[in-house]
Amino acid sequence: MRPKLSTVAWHVGAIALLAVVLYPIVWVTAATFKPTEDIIGSLQLLPTRITTINYERAVEGIAGISVVRFFWNSTVLAVLSVVGTVASSAMAAYAFARLRFRGRTLMFGLMIATLLLPFHVLIIPQYVVFQKLGLVDTYAPLLLGKFLATEAFFVFLMVQFMRGIPYELDESAKIDGAGHWAVFWNILLPLSRPAIITTAIFTFIWTWNDFFGPLIYLSTPEKYPLPLALQLFIDETAGSDFGALMAMSMLALVPVILFFLFFQRFLVEGVSTSGLKG
């Protein structure tokens, strides 16, 4: 049976769209195996001469700083951001979703309203505050907000998820003598695992790839995370090592991909096994 013209056209269009999406990834991957002089100005996608010198220079580091140091800085920022965001957002979400207190609706609305404020509007007053406290060129400005439930999007995500969990579970636990902390830790938190995993995945990826925040607050190269360290390979007054830049960019993608693939299994498992009926 001959396929319909519309089916063929749909598949051709899908393949063409896939090629457009994958082209930057293929280009960067191929560039890591090209000599630096063949990366800029060359129209050829695949390398004519395959070399691993770019990865060797990337591993050696830049400005006398090992690439291990940059990976360690990014790991510290990403892990602490995940811990702080998940812990603070979960507790704030429990308060909004389960507790009854005066002004709850107003406070929740104000929190959601902060999503409308661009980060760039707040960066100047925040910088002034941290400068007065003597915390500039430290990780405190990048991490403090994570532990204070300032990520309104993730708080909203967890609130909506917790509201879907039957209140009868809370009441049964309270009849058995459980307090708010026991209800939160033993009931709401385990059942909210899909929302927690989603928060952890996006927080890790966003923090690992964050360039603007470290650029504003950090000035010591030894404290740079990977996104900020990449700019050290670009020197406008001398030769730029684009080969090592591409190689380090690919190395920086590996932890993000591994983190996503590992936690994606728990995300899918949580969605499929935590269905509840009221």
Protein backbone atom coordinates (compact mmCIF):
# COMPACT_ATOMS: atom_id res chain seq x y z
CA MET A 1 0.00 0.00 0.00
CA ARG A 2 1.51 3.33 -1.12
CA PRO A 3 1.77 5.97 1.60
CA LYS A 4 -0.34 9.07 1.25
CA LEU A 5 1.29 12.26 0.06
CA SER A 6 0.32 14.03 3.29
CA THR A 7 2.06 11.32 5.37
CA VAL A 8 5.25 11.61 3.34
CA ALA A 9 5.18 15.40 3.60
CA TRP A 10 4.66 15.19 7.39
CA HIS A 11 7.67 12.90 7.81
CA VAL A 12 9.86 15.04 5.55
CA GLY A 13 8.89 18.13 7.52
CA ALA A 14 9.59 16.39 10.84
CA ILE A 15 13.03 15.26 9.64
CA ALA A 16 13.83 18.76 8.38
CA LEU A 17 12.80 20.27 11.72
CA LEU A 18 14.88 17.69 13.58
CA ALA A 19 17.89 18.56 11.45
CA VAL A 20 17.51 22.26 12.30
CA VAL A 21 17.26 21.47 16.03
CA LEU A 22 20.21 19.06 16.06
CA TYR A 23 22.50 21.12 13.83
CA PRO A 24 23.96 23.31 16.64
CA ILE A 25 24.69 20.22 18.76
CA VAL A 26 26.36 18.42 15.85
CA TRP A 27 28.34 21.56 15.00
CA VAL A 28 29.66 22.03 18.54
CA THR A 29 30.48 18.32 18.86
CA ALA A 30 32.36 18.33 15.56
CA ALA A 31 34.15 21.57 16.48
CA THR A 32 35.67 19.95 19.55
CA PHE A 33 37.65 17.65 17.24
CA LYS A 34 38.80 20.41 14.86
CA PRO A 35 41.96 22.49 15.12
CA THR A 36 41.20 25.99 16.40
CA GLU A 37 41.98 27.61 13.06
CA ASP A 38 39.35 25.43 11.34
CA ILE A 39 36.51 26.33 13.70
CA ILE A 40 35.96 29.99 12.84
CA GLY A 41 35.43 30.87 9.20
CA SER A 42 35.07 27.32 7.96
CA LEU A 43 31.81 26.24 6.33
CA GLN A 44 32.59 22.54 6.61
CA LEU A 45 30.54 20.79 9.31
CA LEU A 46 32.62 17.67 9.91
CA PRO A 47 36.34 17.91 10.71
CA THR A 48 38.83 17.02 7.99
CA ARG A 49 41.52 16.45 10.61
CA ILE A 50 40.41 14.85 13.87
CA THR A 51 42.36 15.95 16.92
CA THR A 52 41.93 15.62 20.67
CA ILE A 53 44.20 18.52 21.55
CA ASN A 54 41.17 20.67 22.40
CA TYR A 55 40.11 18.32 25.19
CA GLU A 56 43.69 18.12 26.44
CA ARG A 57 43.91 21.93 26.70
CA ALA A 58 40.46 22.09 28.31
CA VAL A 59 41.46 19.56 30.97
CA GLU A 60 44.64 21.50 31.68
CA GLY A 61 42.51 24.51 32.61
CA ILE A 62 43.04 28.20 32.04
CA ALA A 63 44.80 31.04 33.87
CA GLY A 64 46.62 28.50 36.01
CA ILE A 65 43.36 27.07 37.35
CA SER A 66 42.51 23.41 36.83
CA VAL A 67 39.24 22.47 35.17
CA VAL A 68 38.56 20.32 38.24
CA ARG A 69 38.29 23.51 40.26
CA PHE A 70 35.65 24.92 37.95
CA PHE A 71 33.68 21.67 38.03
CA TRP A 72 33.88 21.64 41.82
CA ASN A 73 32.59 25.22 42.07
CA SER A 74 29.65 24.45 39.79
CA THR A 75 28.89 21.25 41.70
CA VAL A 76 28.88 23.05 45.05
CA LEU A 77 26.57 25.78 43.75
CA ALA A 78 24.23 23.34 41.99
CA VAL A 79 23.95 20.83 44.86
CA LEU A 80 23.42 23.47 47.54
CA SER A 81 20.89 25.23 45.31
CA VAL A 82 18.95 21.99 44.87
CA VAL A 83 18.97 21.29 48.62
CA GLY A 84 17.96 24.83 49.53
CA THR A 85 15.27 25.19 46.87
CA VAL A 86 13.67 21.80 47.52
CA ALA A 87 13.69 22.18 51.31
CA SER A 88 12.47 25.77 51.51
CA SER A 89 9.92 25.45 48.68
CA ALA A 90 8.46 22.27 50.17
CA MET A 91 8.00 23.83 53.61
CA ALA A 92 6.50 27.01 52.17
CA ALA A 93 4.21 24.96 49.94
CA TYR A 94 3.01 22.92 52.91
CA ALA A 95 2.13 26.12 54.76
CA PHE A 96 0.15 27.51 51.83
CA ALA A 97 -1.51 24.22 50.90
CA ARG A 98 -2.36 22.75 54.31
CA LEU A 99 -2.33 25.40 57.03
CA ARG A 100 -5.06 27.91 57.73
CA PHE A 101 -3.80 31.34 58.82
CA ARG A 102 -4.84 34.93 58.36
CA GLY A 103 -3.59 36.55 55.17
CA ARG A 104 -2.71 33.27 53.49
CA THR A 105 -4.46 34.13 50.21
CA LEU A 106 -2.92 37.60 50.09
CA MET A 107 0.57 36.32 50.82
CA PHE A 108 0.23 33.58 48.21
CA GLY A 109 -0.93 36.13 45.65
CA LEU A 110 1.98 38.43 46.42
CA MET A 111 4.36 35.52 46.05
CA ILE A 112 2.92 34.66 42.62
CA ALA A 113 3.14 38.34 41.66
CA THR A 114 6.93 38.20 42.09
CA LEU A 115 7.02 35.99 38.99
CA LEU A 116 6.13 39.10 36.99
CA LEU A 117 9.27 40.93 38.15
CA PRO A 118 12.27 40.43 35.85
CA PHE A 119 15.44 39.33 37.57
CA HIS A 120 17.29 42.30 36.08
CA VAL A 121 15.00 44.75 37.91
CA LEU A 122 15.97 43.31 41.29
CA ILE A 123 19.68 42.80 40.67
CA ILE A 124 20.74 46.38 41.57
CA PRO A 125 19.04 46.60 45.00
CA GLN A 126 20.12 43.04 45.77
CA TYR A 127 23.71 43.84 44.85
CA VAL A 128 23.65 46.93 47.08
CA VAL A 129 22.37 44.87 50.02
CA PHE A 130 25.01 42.16 49.62
CA GLN A 131 27.72 44.76 49.12
CA LYS A 132 26.74 46.48 52.39
CA LEU A 133 26.91 43.08 54.11
CA GLY A 134 30.34 42.38 52.65
CA LEU A 135 29.15 39.25 50.84
CA VAL A 136 30.16 40.19 47.30
CA ASP A 137 32.66 37.77 45.74
CA THR A 138 31.23 34.93 47.83
CA TYR A 139 28.65 32.27 47.08
CA ALA A 140 26.21 33.71 49.63
CA PRO A 141 24.34 35.99 47.16
CA LEU A 142 23.87 33.02 44.83
CA LEU A 143 22.67 30.61 47.54
CA LEU A 144 20.96 32.61 50.28
CA GLY A 145 17.73 33.10 48.35
CA LYS A 146 17.52 29.39 47.60
CA PHE A 147 17.14 28.62 51.31
CA LEU A 148 14.48 31.34 51.82
CA ALA A 149 11.86 30.03 49.37
CA THR A 150 12.34 32.88 46.93
CA GLU A 151 11.75 30.61 43.93
CA ALA A 152 8.04 31.34 43.57
CA PHE A 153 7.61 29.05 40.58
CA PHE A 154 8.66 25.96 42.50
CA VAL A 155 6.61 26.95 45.55
CA PHE A 156 3.57 27.30 43.30
CA LEU A 157 4.33 23.92 41.67
CA MET A 158 4.46 22.14 45.02
CA VAL A 159 1.39 23.96 46.37
CA GLN A 160 -0.67 22.80 43.42
CA PHE A 161 0.60 19.24 43.83
CA MET A 162 -0.02 19.12 47.59
CA ARG A 163 -3.54 20.45 47.14
CA GLY A 164 -4.30 17.35 45.11
CA ILE A 165 -3.41 15.05 48.02
CA PRO A 166 -6.53 14.13 50.08
CA TYR A 167 -6.88 15.98 53.39
CA GLU A 168 -8.15 12.76 54.98
CA LEU A 169 -4.54 11.58 55.19
CA ASP A 170 -3.65 14.60 57.33
CA GLU A 171 -6.67 14.11 59.56
CA SER A 172 -5.92 10.42 60.08
CA ALA A 173 -2.36 11.23 61.07
CA LYS A 174 -3.46 13.96 63.47
CA ILE A 175 -5.92 11.57 65.13
CA ASP A 176 -2.95 9.29 65.79
CA GLY A 177 -1.17 12.19 67.48
CA ALA A 178 1.00 13.45 64.62
CA GLY A 179 1.88 17.14 64.53
CA HIS A 180 2.45 19.38 61.54
CA TRP A 181 6.07 18.33 61.14
CA ALA A 182 5.18 14.61 61.26
CA VAL A 183 2.42 15.11 58.69
CA PHE A 184 4.74 17.09 56.43
CA TRP A 185 7.70 14.71 56.72
CA ASN A 186 5.93 11.34 56.72
CA ILE A 187 2.94 11.98 54.46
CA LEU A 188 3.12 15.09 52.28
CA LEU A 189 6.79 14.91 51.41
CA PRO A 190 6.87 11.26 50.21
CA LEU A 191 3.68 11.71 48.19
CA SER A 192 5.04 14.90 46.62
CA ARG A 193 8.08 13.15 45.17
CA PRO A 194 7.21 13.91 41.51
CA ALA A 195 7.04 17.64 42.27
CA ILE A 196 10.23 17.44 44.33
CA ILE A 197 12.10 15.61 41.57
CA THR A 198 10.89 18.14 39.00
CA THR A 199 12.09 20.98 41.21
CA ALA A 200 15.45 19.31 41.70
CA ILE A 201 15.97 18.70 37.97
CA PHE A 202 15.17 22.26 36.88
CA THR A 203 17.06 23.85 39.78
CA PHE A 204 20.18 21.82 39.01
CA ILE A 205 20.07 22.62 35.29
CA TRP A 206 19.34 26.32 35.78
CA THR A 207 22.04 26.73 38.42
CA TRP A 208 24.63 24.72 36.49
CA ASN A 209 24.06 26.87 33.39
CA ASP A 210 23.70 30.20 35.23
CA PHE A 211 26.07 32.80 33.86
CA PHE A 212 24.58 36.16 34.82
CA GLY A 213 24.43 35.63 38.59
CA PRO A 214 28.07 34.57 39.03
CA LEU A 215 29.13 37.31 36.59
CA ILE A 216 27.57 39.94 38.86
CA TYR A 217 28.74 38.69 42.25
CA LEU A 218 32.03 36.84 41.64
CA SER A 219 35.31 38.51 40.73
CA THR A 220 37.92 35.91 41.75
CA PRO A 221 38.63 33.39 38.94
CA GLU A 222 39.26 30.61 41.46
CA LYS A 223 35.58 30.87 42.48
CA TYR A 224 34.17 30.82 38.95
CA PRO A 225 31.69 28.10 37.99
CA LEU A 226 31.93 26.53 34.56
CA PRO A 227 29.71 28.97 32.59
CA LEU A 228 31.79 31.90 33.81
CA ALA A 229 35.07 30.04 33.35
CA LEU A 230 34.30 29.54 29.65
CA GLN A 231 34.79 33.24 28.98
CA LEU A 232 38.42 32.95 30.10
CA PHE A 233 39.16 31.14 26.83
CA ILE A 234 38.08 34.24 24.87
CA ASP A 235 40.65 37.03 24.85
CA GLU A 236 39.84 40.08 22.71
CA THR A 237 43.40 41.39 22.94
CA ALA A 238 45.14 38.12 22.07
CA GLY A 239 44.37 34.77 20.53
CA SER A 240 41.18 33.05 21.65
CA ASP A 241 41.26 29.30 22.16
CA PHE A 242 37.92 28.39 20.60
CA GLY A 243 38.86 24.71 20.41
CA ALA A 244 39.32 24.40 24.17
CA LEU A 245 36.19 26.51 24.65
CA MET A 246 34.10 24.06 22.63
CA ALA A 247 35.68 21.07 24.38
CA MET A 248 34.98 22.45 27.85
CA SER A 249 31.43 23.28 26.78
CA MET A 250 30.87 19.65 25.86
CA LEU A 251 32.42 18.47 29.13
CA ALA A 252 30.12 20.85 31.02
CA LEU A 253 27.08 19.19 29.42
CA VAL A 254 27.92 15.74 30.74
CA PRO A 255 26.86 16.27 34.42
CA VAL A 256 23.60 17.93 33.35
CA ILE A 257 22.71 15.05 31.04
CA LEU A 258 23.61 12.43 33.64
CA PHE A 259 21.65 14.25 36.36
CA PHE A 260 18.57 14.49 34.16
CA LEU A 261 18.73 10.87 33.00
CA PHE A 262 19.17 9.59 36.56
CA PHE A 263 16.32 11.55 38.12
CA GLN A 264 14.00 11.21 35.12
CA ARG A 265 13.49 7.57 36.08
CA PHE A 266 12.28 8.61 39.53
CA LEU A 267 10.08 11.30 38.02
CA VAL A 268 8.29 8.89 35.70
CA GLU A 269 8.06 6.28 38.46
CA GLY A 270 6.59 8.81 40.88
CA VAL A 271 3.96 9.97 38.40
CA SER A 272 2.91 6.42 37.61
CA THR A 273 2.78 5.10 41.19
CA SER A 274 1.57 8.01 43.29
CA GLY A 275 -1.94 8.39 41.89
CA LEU A 276 -4.43 8.98 44.66
CA LYS A 277 -8.20 8.91 44.79
CA GLY A 278 -10.11 11.15 47.13
